[in-house]
Amino acid sequence: MSQPYQRLVCCADVRRFTYTCTLVGMKLHLLDGTYELFRAHFGSPPREAPDGRVVGATYGIVASTLSLLASPGVTHIGAAFDSVISSFRNDVFPGYKDGEGIDPDLRAQFALAERALRAIGVVVWSMYEFEADDALAAASSRFAGEVEQVVVCTPDKDMAQLYGDPSVVGYDRRREIFIDAAGVVEKFGVEPESIPDYLALVGDTADAIPGLPGWGAKSSSTILAHYKKLENIPLESSRWAVKVRGAEKLCATLRANMGDALLYRFLAELRRDVPILETLDDLEWRGAHREHFTGLCDELGFGRLVDRPVRWQDDT
């Protein structure tokens, strides 16, 4: 084991005939590669490769990820990318986000960014039918019982539904802010389990989920803090156990659009059944691939990054 100071704790559940081992002190970092690529595109200076390709976003995500990998305690990592923007959700709801309006220079770097992260030794999950968020949810669910903490590196609000598990937290790398279950309640006014229901009511512009007319953050959080799930909300406002301004009109809207609300919740719910074939050991970062990474740096003009990896797989 590369981390000899970590202590292995094992517990058995006789009723379920399961056996779980948790590495105390180990953290698994999960990167929202699509978000990181967008962040790099808008936050990094323009850059072109020797052949004229625009590669600023790729440079930015590589530099940022290498910095993360050089941080203390970052030993295991995986990154998920939306290799295409459309997913199964577009088949269910044609109005769902489809990538329209994405800068062509950014879109052209999607596959390149995945290749670059693999070159520095990061396990990459390329999503086609599912979304990157689904892969992160599936990985969180799968490995939460094997490490002390799963750190999901993204500020996306839909990921807040994962943080009901005390071993899973979100981390906004740009603002350097962590969020857990208590933080979700403080920010949204509802428990993590109610986040899909909350987004179904208020909508989510990032995913083109429209929400229901009139339902805002305050009314939605007040109702869902009490009822938790959409189907638990009485469809007669006189039966509501909490006071909300405009209750009669809101209730009428919900009653007339409950089918839409349930559809929007389905869209907002993260899928935790995405096939994750790797084991925790596969996610241990063992260093960059020297030949692949140096070749990539030569190809893209990333000379300032070539010596940035703090570890090389070839040297172990």
Protein backbone atom coordinates (compact mmCIF):
# COMPACT_ATOMS: atom_id res chain seq x y z
CA MET A 1 0.00 0.00 0.00
CA SER A 2 1.35 3.38 -1.00
CA GLN A 3 0.03 5.06 2.16
CA PRO A 4 1.43 3.03 5.11
CA TYR A 5 -0.01 5.40 7.71
CA GLN A 6 -3.58 4.56 6.74
CA ARG A 7 -5.46 2.24 9.04
CA LEU A 8 -7.78 -0.44 7.69
CA VAL A 9 -11.10 -0.76 9.51
CA CYS A 10 -13.35 -3.70 8.68
CA CYS A 11 -16.89 -4.40 9.78
CA ALA A 12 -19.31 -7.23 9.08
CA ASP A 13 -23.10 -7.01 8.81
CA VAL A 14 -24.31 -10.51 9.57
CA ARG A 15 -27.89 -9.74 8.58
CA ARG A 16 -26.88 -8.72 5.06
CA PHE A 17 -23.85 -10.99 4.84
CA THR A 18 -21.66 -8.10 3.77
CA TYR A 19 -18.10 -7.28 4.67
CA THR A 20 -16.81 -3.75 4.32
CA CYS A 21 -13.29 -2.41 4.65
CA THR A 22 -12.65 1.30 4.98
CA LEU A 23 -9.27 2.96 4.69
CA VAL A 24 -9.21 5.55 7.46
CA GLY A 25 -7.68 8.83 6.29
CA MET A 26 -8.00 8.06 2.58
CA LYS A 27 -9.90 10.46 0.35
CA LEU A 28 -11.16 9.81 -3.15
CA HIS A 29 -11.32 12.95 -5.30
CA LEU A 30 -13.82 12.96 -8.16
CA LEU A 31 -13.48 15.63 -10.84
CA ASP A 32 -16.31 17.01 -12.94
CA GLY A 33 -14.16 17.16 -16.04
CA THR A 34 -16.74 19.01 -18.12
CA TYR A 35 -17.09 21.76 -15.52
CA GLU A 36 -13.32 21.99 -15.12
CA LEU A 37 -12.90 22.32 -18.89
CA PHE A 38 -15.48 25.10 -19.06
CA ARG A 39 -13.83 26.82 -16.09
CA ALA A 40 -10.45 26.62 -17.80
CA HIS A 41 -11.87 27.89 -21.08
CA PHE A 42 -13.26 31.04 -19.51
CA GLY A 43 -10.51 31.50 -16.96
CA SER A 44 -7.32 30.78 -18.89
CA PRO A 45 -5.51 33.01 -21.40
CA PRO A 46 -5.97 32.15 -25.09
CA ARG A 47 -3.43 29.62 -26.31
CA GLU A 48 -2.74 27.90 -29.61
CA ALA A 49 -0.81 24.73 -30.40
CA PRO A 50 2.01 24.85 -32.97
CA ASP A 51 -0.45 23.58 -35.59
CA GLY A 52 -2.90 26.42 -34.85
CA ARG A 53 -5.43 24.52 -32.77
CA VAL A 54 -6.99 26.42 -29.88
CA VAL A 55 -5.87 24.59 -26.72
CA GLY A 56 -6.20 27.09 -23.87
CA ALA A 57 -8.91 25.15 -22.04
CA THR A 58 -6.91 21.93 -22.28
CA TYR A 59 -3.82 23.66 -20.93
CA GLY A 60 -5.86 25.08 -18.08
CA ILE A 61 -7.45 21.80 -17.02
CA VAL A 62 -4.10 19.98 -17.14
CA ALA A 63 -2.37 22.67 -15.08
CA SER A 64 -5.23 22.75 -12.58
CA THR A 65 -5.35 18.96 -12.21
CA LEU A 66 -1.59 18.70 -11.77
CA SER A 67 -1.84 21.27 -8.99
CA LEU A 68 -4.55 19.18 -7.33
CA LEU A 69 -2.44 16.04 -7.63
CA ALA A 70 0.46 17.81 -5.95
CA SER A 71 -1.70 18.63 -2.93
CA PRO A 72 -1.28 16.64 0.31
CA GLY A 73 -3.75 13.80 0.71
CA VAL A 74 -4.73 13.53 -2.95
CA THR A 75 -3.97 9.89 -3.63
CA HIS A 76 -6.97 8.51 -5.52
CA ILE A 77 -8.77 10.31 -8.33
CA GLY A 78 -11.20 9.88 -11.18
CA ALA A 79 -12.66 12.34 -13.68
CA ALA A 80 -15.90 12.20 -15.66
CA PHE A 81 -16.55 14.00 -18.94
CA ASP A 82 -19.59 14.62 -21.11
CA SER A 83 -18.00 13.27 -24.27
CA VAL A 84 -21.18 14.40 -26.01
CA ILE A 85 -23.62 16.87 -24.52
CA SER A 86 -26.80 14.94 -25.29
CA SER A 87 -27.77 11.99 -23.09
CA PHE A 88 -30.73 9.69 -22.41
CA ARG A 89 -32.45 12.69 -20.81
CA ASN A 90 -32.78 14.33 -24.22
CA ASP A 91 -34.80 11.32 -25.38
CA VAL A 92 -37.14 11.76 -22.42
CA PHE A 93 -37.41 15.55 -22.63
CA PRO A 94 -36.44 17.21 -25.95
CA GLY A 95 -36.05 20.56 -24.21
CA TYR A 96 -33.19 19.30 -22.05
CA LYS A 97 -29.78 20.92 -22.55
CA ASP A 98 -28.19 19.94 -25.84
CA GLY A 99 -25.01 21.96 -26.02
CA GLU A 100 -26.42 24.64 -28.29
CA GLY A 101 -24.37 27.79 -28.02
CA ILE A 102 -21.14 26.16 -26.86
CA ASP A 103 -18.10 27.90 -28.30
CA PRO A 104 -16.80 25.69 -31.16
CA ASP A 105 -13.24 26.24 -29.92
CA LEU A 106 -14.28 24.76 -26.56
CA ARG A 107 -16.28 21.89 -28.03
CA ALA A 108 -13.27 20.92 -30.16
CA GLN A 109 -11.24 20.37 -26.98
CA PHE A 110 -13.55 17.86 -25.28
CA ALA A 111 -11.77 14.75 -26.57
CA LEU A 112 -8.37 16.42 -26.28
CA ALA A 113 -8.94 17.19 -22.59
CA GLU A 114 -9.86 13.57 -21.89
CA ARG A 115 -6.72 12.41 -23.68
CA ALA A 116 -4.61 14.90 -21.71
CA LEU A 117 -5.93 13.78 -18.32
CA ARG A 118 -5.28 10.16 -19.21
CA ALA A 119 -1.74 11.15 -20.13
CA ILE A 120 -1.15 12.50 -16.62
CA GLY A 121 -2.42 9.22 -15.19
CA VAL A 122 -5.99 10.12 -14.20
CA VAL A 123 -8.75 7.56 -14.69
CA VAL A 124 -11.29 9.10 -17.07
CA TRP A 125 -14.93 8.10 -17.50
CA SER A 126 -16.18 9.19 -20.92
CA MET A 127 -19.96 9.59 -20.92
CA TYR A 128 -22.17 9.17 -23.97
CA GLU A 129 -25.54 7.75 -22.93
CA PHE A 130 -25.25 9.09 -19.38
CA GLU A 131 -23.84 12.41 -18.15
CA ALA A 132 -20.66 13.15 -16.27
CA ASP A 133 -22.73 13.94 -13.17
CA ASP A 134 -24.20 10.44 -13.30
CA ALA A 135 -20.74 8.88 -13.38
CA LEU A 136 -19.69 10.97 -10.38
CA ALA A 137 -22.84 9.88 -8.53
CA ALA A 138 -22.21 6.23 -9.34
CA ALA A 139 -18.57 6.44 -8.28
CA SER A 140 -19.54 8.22 -5.04
CA SER A 141 -22.07 5.52 -4.24
CA ARG A 142 -19.70 2.71 -5.10
CA PHE A 143 -16.63 3.87 -3.19
CA ALA A 144 -18.10 5.78 -0.25
CA GLY A 145 -17.86 2.71 1.95
CA GLU A 146 -14.22 2.06 1.03
CA VAL A 147 -12.67 5.41 1.91
CA GLU A 148 -13.07 7.87 4.73
CA GLN A 149 -14.31 10.61 2.43
CA VAL A 150 -15.32 11.11 -1.18
CA VAL A 151 -14.68 14.67 -2.34
CA VAL A 152 -16.77 15.61 -5.37
CA CYS A 153 -15.03 18.56 -7.02
CA THR A 154 -17.85 20.60 -8.52
CA PRO A 155 -20.14 23.46 -7.51
CA ASP A 156 -23.12 22.12 -9.50
CA LYS A 157 -26.30 22.35 -7.46
CA ASP A 158 -27.70 19.01 -8.68
CA MET A 159 -24.75 17.23 -7.08
CA ALA A 160 -26.03 18.37 -3.66
CA GLN A 161 -28.33 15.34 -3.65
CA LEU A 162 -25.25 13.18 -3.01
CA TYR A 163 -24.25 14.86 0.23
CA GLY A 164 -26.76 13.12 2.46
CA ASP A 165 -24.11 10.44 2.89
CA PRO A 166 -21.83 11.79 5.64
CA SER A 167 -18.79 10.40 3.86
CA VAL A 168 -19.49 12.37 0.65
CA VAL A 169 -18.88 16.12 0.38
CA GLY A 170 -18.76 18.63 -2.41
CA TYR A 171 -15.85 20.97 -3.03
CA ASP A 172 -15.88 24.15 -5.08
CA ARG A 173 -12.23 24.40 -6.11
CA ARG A 174 -12.54 27.95 -7.40
CA ARG A 175 -14.00 29.32 -4.17
CA GLU A 176 -12.28 26.73 -1.93
CA ILE A 177 -15.55 25.90 -0.18
CA PHE A 178 -16.72 22.49 1.03
CA ILE A 179 -20.40 21.58 1.34
CA ASP A 180 -21.98 18.71 3.27
CA ALA A 181 -25.54 17.83 4.27
CA ALA A 182 -25.77 20.71 6.73
CA GLY A 183 -24.41 23.06 4.07
CA VAL A 184 -27.08 21.89 1.63
CA VAL A 185 -29.81 22.72 4.12
CA GLU A 186 -28.23 26.09 4.82
CA LYS A 187 -27.93 26.94 1.12
CA PHE A 188 -31.14 25.48 -0.31
CA GLY A 189 -33.37 25.06 2.72
CA VAL A 190 -33.96 21.34 2.05
CA GLU A 191 -32.23 18.06 2.82
CA PRO A 192 -30.02 16.51 0.10
CA GLU A 193 -32.65 13.87 -0.66
CA SER A 194 -35.08 16.64 -1.67
CA ILE A 195 -32.77 18.40 -4.12
CA PRO A 196 -34.28 16.72 -7.24
CA ASP A 197 -37.76 17.73 -6.05
CA TYR A 198 -36.53 21.25 -5.35
CA LEU A 199 -35.03 21.57 -8.84
CA ALA A 200 -38.23 20.18 -10.34
CA LEU A 201 -40.15 23.10 -8.80
CA VAL A 202 -37.69 25.99 -9.19
CA GLY A 203 -36.05 24.75 -12.38
CA ASP A 204 -32.39 24.53 -13.30
CA THR A 205 -31.22 26.84 -16.07
CA ALA A 206 -27.91 24.96 -16.42
CA ASP A 207 -29.79 21.85 -17.53
CA ALA A 208 -32.73 23.65 -19.18
CA ILE A 209 -35.21 22.27 -16.67
CA PRO A 210 -38.00 24.89 -16.67
CA GLY A 211 -39.60 24.24 -13.28
CA LEU A 212 -43.17 25.26 -12.46
CA PRO A 213 -44.50 28.80 -12.90
CA GLY A 214 -44.59 30.79 -9.69
CA TRP A 215 -42.59 28.32 -7.64
CA GLY A 216 -39.49 30.09 -6.37
CA ALA A 217 -36.69 29.15 -4.00
CA LYS A 218 -38.52 30.33 -0.87
CA SER A 219 -41.84 28.62 -1.50
CA SER A 220 -40.20 25.42 -2.73
CA SER A 221 -37.83 25.12 0.21
CA THR A 222 -40.58 25.87 2.73
CA ILE A 223 -42.87 23.18 1.34
CA LEU A 224 -40.18 20.56 0.75
CA ALA A 225 -38.54 21.11 4.14
CA HIS A 226 -41.80 19.75 5.54
CA TYR A 227 -43.03 17.28 2.90
CA LYS A 228 -39.64 16.14 1.49
CA LYS A 229 -41.00 14.72 -1.79
CA LEU A 230 -43.39 16.02 -4.44
CA GLU A 231 -45.89 13.21 -4.02
CA ASN A 232 -46.21 13.99 -0.32
CA ILE A 233 -47.48 17.54 -0.95
CA PRO A 234 -51.26 17.75 -0.51
CA LEU A 235 -53.00 18.95 -3.65
CA GLU A 236 -55.34 21.15 -1.63
CA SER A 237 -53.69 24.22 -0.12
CA SER A 238 -56.05 24.12 2.87
CA ARG A 239 -54.29 20.93 3.93
CA TRP A 240 -50.78 22.40 3.84
CA ALA A 241 -49.17 22.26 7.24
CA VAL A 242 -46.89 25.24 6.52
CA LYS A 243 -47.73 28.76 5.49
CA VAL A 244 -46.59 29.95 2.08
CA ARG A 245 -47.48 33.20 0.36
CA GLY A 246 -49.77 32.57 -2.59
CA ALA A 247 -50.44 29.01 -1.43
CA GLU A 248 -53.72 28.61 -3.30
CA LYS A 249 -52.23 29.61 -6.64
CA LEU A 250 -49.08 27.55 -6.10
CA CYS A 251 -51.14 24.51 -5.18
CA ALA A 252 -53.29 24.93 -8.26
CA THR A 253 -50.17 25.12 -10.42
CA LEU A 254 -48.76 21.98 -8.85
CA ARG A 255 -52.06 20.15 -9.19
CA ALA A 256 -52.32 21.05 -12.89
CA ASN A 257 -48.66 20.26 -13.61
CA MET A 258 -47.79 17.37 -11.33
CA GLY A 259 -46.91 15.21 -14.32
CA ASP A 260 -44.41 17.80 -15.53
CA ALA A 261 -42.99 18.19 -12.03
CA LEU A 262 -42.38 14.46 -11.73
CA LEU A 263 -40.72 14.48 -15.15
CA TYR A 264 -38.46 17.36 -14.12
CA ARG A 265 -37.55 15.50 -10.95
CA PHE A 266 -36.62 12.45 -13.01
CA LEU A 267 -34.35 14.64 -15.11
CA ALA A 268 -32.71 16.10 -12.00
CA GLU A 269 -32.16 12.75 -10.29
CA LEU A 270 -28.63 11.46 -10.74
CA ARG A 271 -28.21 7.90 -11.95
CA ARG A 272 -26.11 5.78 -9.66
CA ASP A 273 -26.18 2.71 -11.89
CA VAL A 274 -23.59 3.92 -14.42
CA PRO A 275 -21.12 1.07 -14.95
CA ILE A 276 -17.92 1.87 -13.04
CA LEU A 277 -15.54 -0.98 -13.83
CA GLU A 278 -12.50 0.25 -11.88
CA THR A 279 -11.62 -0.81 -8.36
CA LEU A 280 -10.43 1.64 -5.72
CA ASP A 281 -6.88 0.44 -6.35
CA ASP A 282 -7.27 1.38 -10.03
CA LEU A 283 -8.03 4.95 -8.97
CA GLU A 284 -4.76 5.41 -7.10
CA TRP A 285 -2.73 8.07 -8.86
CA ARG A 286 0.63 6.51 -9.66
CA GLY A 287 1.97 9.39 -11.72
CA ALA A 288 1.92 10.71 -15.26
CA HIS A 289 2.84 8.58 -18.26
CA ARG A 290 6.17 10.11 -19.24
CA GLU A 291 6.18 9.22 -22.94
CA HIS A 292 2.51 10.09 -23.51
CA PHE A 293 2.60 13.32 -21.54
CA THR A 294 5.87 14.66 -22.91
CA GLY A 295 4.68 13.83 -26.42
CA LEU A 296 1.42 15.65 -25.75
CA CYS A 297 3.29 18.69 -24.43
CA ASP A 298 5.45 18.75 -27.58
CA GLU A 299 2.38 18.41 -29.80
CA LEU A 300 0.37 21.14 -28.07
CA GLY A 301 3.14 23.52 -27.07
CA PHE A 302 2.77 22.88 -23.34
CA GLY A 303 6.49 23.23 -22.58
CA ARG A 304 5.82 24.94 -19.25
CA LEU A 305 3.88 21.89 -18.04
CA VAL A 306 6.26 19.13 -19.03
CA ASP A 307 8.07 19.11 -15.69
CA ARG A 308 5.00 19.77 -13.54
CA PRO A 309 4.02 16.18 -12.60
CA VAL A 310 5.35 15.35 -9.15
CA ARG A 311 5.43 11.65 -9.99
CA TRP A 312 5.97 9.49 -13.07
CA GLN A 313 4.59 5.99 -13.49
CA ASP A 314 7.66 4.98 -15.43
CA ASP A 315 9.91 5.72 -12.45
CA THR A 316 8.09 3.46 -9.97
